[in-house]
Amino acid sequence: MPVGGTVGAYAVDTRDGRVGQVMGHVGGYVQLRPPGGGREWDCPPDTAAAAPPDVVLRARCGP
């Protein structure tokens, strides 16, 4: 299920499985930031999927 890139939503980058919070959109990409903070990365919108709540919780709390 692709994510529309709603700012504040959580998404999974299906290219590598990373979870990030949508921070914005630049140059046709969705900008994601790790839940605990850190460097944003660009994700093509067609490879960003809505993150289920359990995935977000694991990403926020650590392994």
PDB file of N, CA and C in Angstrom:
ATOM      1  N   MET A   1       0.850  -1.180   0.000  1.00  0.00           N
ATOM      2  CA  MET A   1       0.000   0.000   0.000  1.00  0.00           C
ATOM      3  C   MET A   1       0.890   1.236   0.000  1.00  0.00           C
ATOM      4  N   PRO A   2       0.972   1.929  -1.117  1.00  0.00           N
ATOM      5  CA  PRO A   2       1.827   3.116  -1.174  1.00  0.00           C
ATOM      6  C   PRO A   2       1.324   4.203  -0.231  1.00  0.00           C
ATOM      7  N   VAL A   3       2.261   4.932   0.318  1.00  0.00           N
ATOM      8  CA  VAL A   3       1.917   6.037   1.209  1.00  0.00           C
ATOM      9  C   VAL A   3       1.898   7.307   0.366  1.00  0.00           C
ATOM     10  N   GLY A   4       0.920   8.144   0.595  1.00  0.00           N
ATOM     11  CA  GLY A   4       0.824   9.372  -0.170  1.00  0.00           C
ATOM     12  C   GLY A   4       1.862  10.397   0.245  1.00  0.00           C
ATOM     13  N   GLY A   5       2.614  10.082   1.256  1.00  0.00           N
ATOM     14  CA  GLY A   5       3.635  11.014   1.698  1.00  0.00           C
ATOM     15  C   GLY A   5       3.092  12.082   2.622  1.00  0.00           C
ATOM     16  N   THR A   6       2.079  11.749   3.389  1.00  0.00           N
ATOM     17  CA  THR A   6       1.527  12.700   4.342  1.00  0.00           C
ATOM     18  C   THR A   6       2.580  13.022   5.394  1.00  0.00           C
ATOM     19  N   VAL A   7       2.895  14.305   5.526  1.00  0.00           N
ATOM     20  CA  VAL A   7       3.897  14.724   6.501  1.00  0.00           C
ATOM     21  C   VAL A   7       3.468  14.264   7.892  1.00  0.00           C
ATOM     22  N   GLY A   8       4.398  13.630   8.596  1.00  0.00           N
ATOM     23  CA  GLY A   8       4.140  13.115   9.932  1.00  0.00           C
ATOM     24  C   GLY A   8       3.822  11.632   9.959  1.00  0.00           C
ATOM     25  N   ALA A   9       3.414  11.079   8.810  1.00  0.00           N
ATOM     26  CA  ALA A   9       3.123   9.641   8.744  1.00  0.00           C
ATOM     27  C   ALA A   9       4.431   8.858   8.737  1.00  0.00           C
ATOM     28  N   TYR A  10       4.350   7.580   9.054  1.00  0.00           N
ATOM     29  CA  TYR A  10       5.523   6.711   8.996  1.00  0.00           C
ATOM     30  C   TYR A  10       5.437   5.830   7.763  1.00  0.00           C
ATOM     31  N   ALA A  11       6.581   5.603   7.151  1.00  0.00           N
ATOM     32  CA  ALA A  11       6.642   4.800   5.933  1.00  0.00           C
ATOM     33  C   ALA A  11       7.825   3.851   6.000  1.00  0.00           C
ATOM     34  N   VAL A  12       7.719   2.782   5.228  1.00  0.00           N
ATOM     35  CA  VAL A  12       8.815   1.830   5.063  1.00  0.00           C
ATOM     36  C   VAL A  12       9.375   2.038   3.667  1.00  0.00           C
ATOM     37  N   ASP A  13      10.682   2.221   3.578  1.00  0.00           N
ATOM     38  CA  ASP A  13      11.367   2.280   2.288  1.00  0.00           C
ATOM     39  C   ASP A  13      11.548   0.829   1.851  1.00  0.00           C
ATOM     40  N   THR A  14      10.757   0.400   0.881  1.00  0.00           N
ATOM     41  CA  THR A  14      10.760  -1.013   0.497  1.00  0.00           C
ATOM     42  C   THR A  14      12.042  -1.436  -0.212  1.00  0.00           C
ATOM     43  N   ARG A  15      12.893  -0.492  -0.562  1.00  0.00           N
ATOM     44  CA  ARG A  15      14.175  -0.859  -1.180  1.00  0.00           C
ATOM     45  C   ARG A  15      15.092  -1.538  -0.182  1.00  0.00           C
ATOM     46  N   ASP A  16      15.016  -1.111   1.102  1.00  0.00           N
ATOM     47  CA  ASP A  16      15.938  -1.672   2.097  1.00  0.00           C
ATOM     48  C   ASP A  16      15.290  -1.950   3.454  1.00  0.00           C
ATOM     49  N   GLY A  17      13.994  -1.664   3.594  1.00  0.00           N
ATOM     50  CA  GLY A  17      13.291  -1.980   4.831  1.00  0.00           C
ATOM     51  C   GLY A  17      13.397  -0.937   5.926  1.00  0.00           C
ATOM     52  N   ARG A  18      14.082   0.182   5.659  1.00  0.00           N
ATOM     53  CA  ARG A  18      14.183   1.216   6.694  1.00  0.00           C
ATOM     54  C   ARG A  18      12.827   1.871   6.933  1.00  0.00           C
ATOM     55  N   VAL A  19      12.596   2.257   8.182  1.00  0.00           N
ATOM     56  CA  VAL A  19      11.366   2.941   8.577  1.00  0.00           C
ATOM     57  C   VAL A  19      11.706   4.400   8.824  1.00  0.00           C
ATOM     58  N   GLY A  20      10.850   5.291   8.346  1.00  0.00           N
ATOM     59  CA  GLY A  20      11.086   6.704   8.570  1.00  0.00           C
ATOM     60  C   GLY A  20       9.797   7.488   8.656  1.00  0.00           C
ATOM     61  N   GLN A  21       9.897   8.659   9.264  1.00  0.00           N
ATOM     62  CA  GLN A  21       8.766   9.574   9.340  1.00  0.00           C
ATOM     63  C   GLN A  21       8.857  10.520   8.152  1.00  0.00           C
ATOM     64  N   VAL A  22       7.738  10.732   7.481  1.00  0.00           N
ATOM     65  CA  VAL A  22       7.710  11.619   6.323  1.00  0.00           C
ATOM     66  C   VAL A  22       7.896  13.055   6.804  1.00  0.00           C
ATOM     67  N   MET A  23       8.956  13.697   6.282  1.00  0.00           N
ATOM     68  CA  MET A  23       9.269  15.067   6.671  1.00  0.00           C
ATOM     69  C   MET A  23       8.876  16.078   5.599  1.00  0.00           C
ATOM     70  N   GLY A  24       8.741  15.607   4.366  1.00  0.00           N
ATOM     71  CA  GLY A  24       8.385  16.509   3.280  1.00  0.00           C
ATOM     72  C   GLY A  24       8.617  15.846   1.940  1.00  0.00           C
ATOM     73  N   HIS A  25       8.561  16.685   0.896  1.00  0.00           N
ATOM     74  CA  HIS A  25       8.724  16.212  -0.475  1.00  0.00           C
ATOM     75  C   HIS A  25       9.626  17.200  -1.205  1.00  0.00           C
ATOM     76  N   VAL A  26      10.664  16.688  -1.856  1.00  0.00           N
ATOM     77  CA  VAL A  26      11.572  17.537  -2.615  1.00  0.00           C
ATOM     78  C   VAL A  26      11.952  16.814  -3.897  1.00  0.00           C
ATOM     79  N   GLY A  27      11.808  17.493  -5.016  1.00  0.00           N
ATOM     80  CA  GLY A  27      12.253  16.937  -6.293  1.00  0.00           C
ATOM     81  C   GLY A  27      11.604  15.613  -6.664  1.00  0.00           C
ATOM     82  N   GLY A  28      10.358  15.425  -6.293  1.00  0.00           N
ATOM     83  CA  GLY A  28       9.671  14.193  -6.635  1.00  0.00           C
ATOM     84  C   GLY A  28       9.941  13.034  -5.692  1.00  0.00           C
ATOM     85  N   TYR A  29      10.696  13.279  -4.641  1.00  0.00           N
ATOM     86  CA  TYR A  29      11.003  12.241  -3.654  1.00  0.00           C
ATOM     87  C   TYR A  29      10.299  12.533  -2.341  1.00  0.00           C
ATOM     88  N   VAL A  30      10.080  11.481  -1.565  1.00  0.00           N
ATOM     89  CA  VAL A  30       9.575  11.617  -0.201  1.00  0.00           C
ATOM     90  C   VAL A  30      10.799  11.650   0.707  1.00  0.00           C
ATOM     91  N   GLN A  31      10.878  12.630   1.585  1.00  0.00           N
ATOM     92  CA  GLN A  31      11.993  12.714   2.526  1.00  0.00           C
ATOM     93  C   GLN A  31      11.596  12.021   3.817  1.00  0.00           C
ATOM     94  N   LEU A  32      12.387  11.018   4.197  1.00  0.00           N
ATOM     95  CA  LEU A  32      12.126  10.241   5.407  1.00  0.00           C
ATOM     96  C   LEU A  32      13.237  10.470   6.422  1.00  0.00           C
ATOM     97  N   ARG A  33      12.861  10.487   7.701  1.00  0.00           N
ATOM     98  CA  ARG A  33      13.827  10.620   8.797  1.00  0.00           C
ATOM     99  C   ARG A  33      13.609   9.459   9.765  1.00  0.00           C
ATOM    100  N   PRO A  34      14.696   8.847  10.246  1.00  0.00           N
ATOM    101  CA  PRO A  34      14.543   7.750  11.210  1.00  0.00           C
ATOM    102  C   PRO A  34      13.725   8.198  12.424  1.00  0.00           C
ATOM    103  N   PRO A  35      12.920   7.305  13.010  1.00  0.00           N
ATOM    104  CA  PRO A  35      12.064   7.675  14.139  1.00  0.00           C
ATOM    105  C   PRO A  35      12.797   8.309  15.322  1.00  0.00           C
ATOM    106  N   GLY A  36      14.014   7.897  15.613  1.00  0.00           N
ATOM    107  CA  GLY A  36      14.758   8.466  16.732  1.00  0.00           C
ATOM    108  C   GLY A  36      15.521   9.722  16.369  1.00  0.00           C
ATOM    109  N   GLY A  37      15.343  10.195  15.151  1.00  0.00           N
ATOM    110  CA  GLY A  37      16.081  11.346  14.660  1.00  0.00           C
ATOM    111  C   GLY A  37      17.268  10.898  13.842  1.00  0.00           C
ATOM    112  N   GLY A  38      17.875  11.818  13.180  1.00  0.00           N
ATOM    113  CA  GLY A  38      19.024  11.494  12.348  1.00  0.00           C
ATOM    114  C   GLY A  38      18.881  12.082  10.962  1.00  0.00           C
ATOM    115  N   ARG A  39      19.726  11.618  10.097  1.00  0.00           N
ATOM    116  CA  ARG A  39      19.799  12.163   8.749  1.00  0.00           C
ATOM    117  C   ARG A  39      18.643  11.664   7.881  1.00  0.00           C
ATOM    118  N   GLU A  40      18.001  12.603   7.191  1.00  0.00           N
ATOM    119  CA  GLU A  40      16.925  12.255   6.273  1.00  0.00           C
ATOM    120  C   GLU A  40      17.494  11.608   5.018  1.00  0.00           C
ATOM    121  N   TRP A  41      16.653  10.814   4.371  1.00  0.00           N
ATOM    122  CA  TRP A  41      17.038  10.262   3.075  1.00  0.00           C
ATOM    123  C   TRP A  41      15.866  10.406   2.118  1.00  0.00           C
ATOM    124  N   ASP A  42      16.189  10.393   0.829  1.00  0.00           N
ATOM    125  CA  ASP A  42      15.181  10.514  -0.213  1.00  0.00           C
ATOM    126  C   ASP A  42      14.704   9.139  -0.634  1.00  0.00           C
ATOM    127  N   CYS A  43      13.405   9.002  -0.763  1.00  0.00           N
ATOM    128  CA  CYS A  43      12.788   7.735  -1.138  1.00  0.00           C
ATOM    129  C   CYS A  43      11.829   8.001  -2.299  1.00  0.00           C
ATOM    130  N   PRO A  44      11.970   7.274  -3.406  1.00  0.00           N
ATOM    131  CA  PRO A  44      10.984   7.425  -4.476  1.00  0.00           C
ATOM    132  C   PRO A  44       9.589   7.073  -3.946  1.00  0.00           C
ATOM    133  N   PRO A  45       8.578   7.849  -4.306  1.00  0.00           N
ATOM    134  CA  PRO A  45       7.244   7.600  -3.758  1.00  0.00           C
ATOM    135  C   PRO A  45       6.702   6.202  -4.049  1.00  0.00           C
ATOM    136  N   ASP A  46       7.125   5.600  -5.153  1.00  0.00           N
ATOM    137  CA  ASP A  46       6.608   4.265  -5.476  1.00  0.00           C
ATOM    138  C   ASP A  46       7.275   3.162  -4.665  1.00  0.00           C
ATOM    139  N   THR A  47       8.288   3.506  -3.871  1.00  0.00           N
ATOM    140  CA  THR A  47       8.928   2.508  -3.001  1.00  0.00           C
ATOM    141  C   THR A  47       8.698   2.822  -1.524  1.00  0.00           C
ATOM    142  N   ALA A  48       7.787   3.765  -1.246  1.00  0.00           N
ATOM    143  CA  ALA A  48       7.418   4.099   0.136  1.00  0.00           C
ATOM    144  C   ALA A  48       6.063   3.472   0.431  1.00  0.00           C
ATOM    145  N   ALA A  49       6.016   2.636   1.452  1.00  0.00           N
ATOM    146  CA  ALA A  49       4.766   1.980   1.845  1.00  0.00           C
ATOM    147  C   ALA A  49       4.399   2.402   3.261  1.00  0.00           C
ATOM    148  N   ALA A  50       3.110   2.500   3.516  1.00  0.00           N
ATOM    149  CA  ALA A  50       2.651   2.850   4.861  1.00  0.00           C
ATOM    150  C   ALA A  50       3.192   1.833   5.864  1.00  0.00           C
ATOM    151  N   ALA A  51       3.734   2.328   6.960  1.00  0.00           N
ATOM    152  CA  ALA A  51       4.319   1.451   7.983  1.00  0.00           C
ATOM    153  C   ALA A  51       3.241   1.018   8.973  1.00  0.00           C
ATOM    154  N   PRO A  52       3.082  -0.296   9.181  1.00  0.00           N
ATOM    155  CA  PRO A  52       2.125  -0.774  10.184  1.00  0.00           C
ATOM    156  C   PRO A  52       2.556  -0.327  11.589  1.00  0.00           C
ATOM    157  N   PRO A  53       1.601  -0.162  12.506  1.00  0.00           N
ATOM    158  CA  PRO A  53       1.923   0.311  13.860  1.00  0.00           C
ATOM    159  C   PRO A  53       2.992  -0.514  14.577  1.00  0.00           C
ATOM    160  N   ASP A  54       2.983  -1.839  14.409  1.00  0.00           N
ATOM    161  CA  ASP A  54       3.981  -2.654  15.108  1.00  0.00           C
ATOM    162  C   ASP A  54       5.386  -2.406  14.574  1.00  0.00           C
ATOM    163  N   VAL A  55       5.499  -2.116  13.290  1.00  0.00           N
ATOM    164  CA  VAL A  55       6.806  -1.820  12.692  1.00  0.00           C
ATOM    165  C   VAL A  55       7.317  -0.478  13.208  1.00  0.00           C
ATOM    166  N   VAL A  56       6.426   0.503  13.305  1.00  0.00           N
ATOM    167  CA  VAL A  56       6.807   1.820  13.828  1.00  0.00           C
ATOM    168  C   VAL A  56       7.254   1.693  15.280  1.00  0.00           C
ATOM    169  N   LEU A  57       6.520   0.944  16.083  1.00  0.00           N
ATOM    170  CA  LEU A  57       6.870   0.771  17.495  1.00  0.00           C
ATOM    171  C   LEU A  57       8.245   0.138  17.646  1.00  0.00           C
ATOM    172  N   ARG A  58       8.520  -0.907  16.877  1.00  0.00           N
ATOM    173  CA  ARG A  58       9.849  -1.543  16.934  1.00  0.00           C
ATOM    174  C   ARG A  58      10.941  -0.566  16.525  1.00  0.00           C
ATOM    175  N   ALA A  59      10.689   0.231  15.491  1.00  0.00           N
ATOM    176  CA  ALA A  59      11.690   1.187  15.019  1.00  0.00           C
ATOM    177  C   ALA A  59      11.940   2.278  16.061  1.00  0.00           C
ATOM    178  N   ARG A  60      10.899   2.687  16.765  1.00  0.00           N
ATOM    179  CA  ARG A  60      11.042   3.750  17.760  1.00  0.00           C
ATOM    180  C   ARG A  60      11.689   3.266  19.042  1.00  0.00           C
ATOM    181  N   CYS A  61      11.465   2.009  19.400  1.00  0.00           N
ATOM    182  CA  CYS A  61      11.969   1.472  20.670  1.00  0.00           C
ATOM    183  C   CYS A  61      13.290   0.731  20.529  1.00  0.00           C
ATOM    184  N   GLY A  62      13.686   0.435  19.318  1.00  0.00           N
ATOM    185  CA  GLY A  62      14.933  -0.304  19.113  1.00  0.00           C
ATOM    186  C   GLY A  62      14.681  -1.792  19.041  1.00  0.00           C
ATOM    187  N   PRO A  63      15.742  -2.537  18.751  1.00  0.00           N
ATOM    188  CA  PRO A  63      15.590  -3.988  18.562  1.00  0.00           C
ATOM    189  C   PRO A  63      15.238  -4.731  19.831  1.00  0.00           C
TER     190      PRO A  63
END
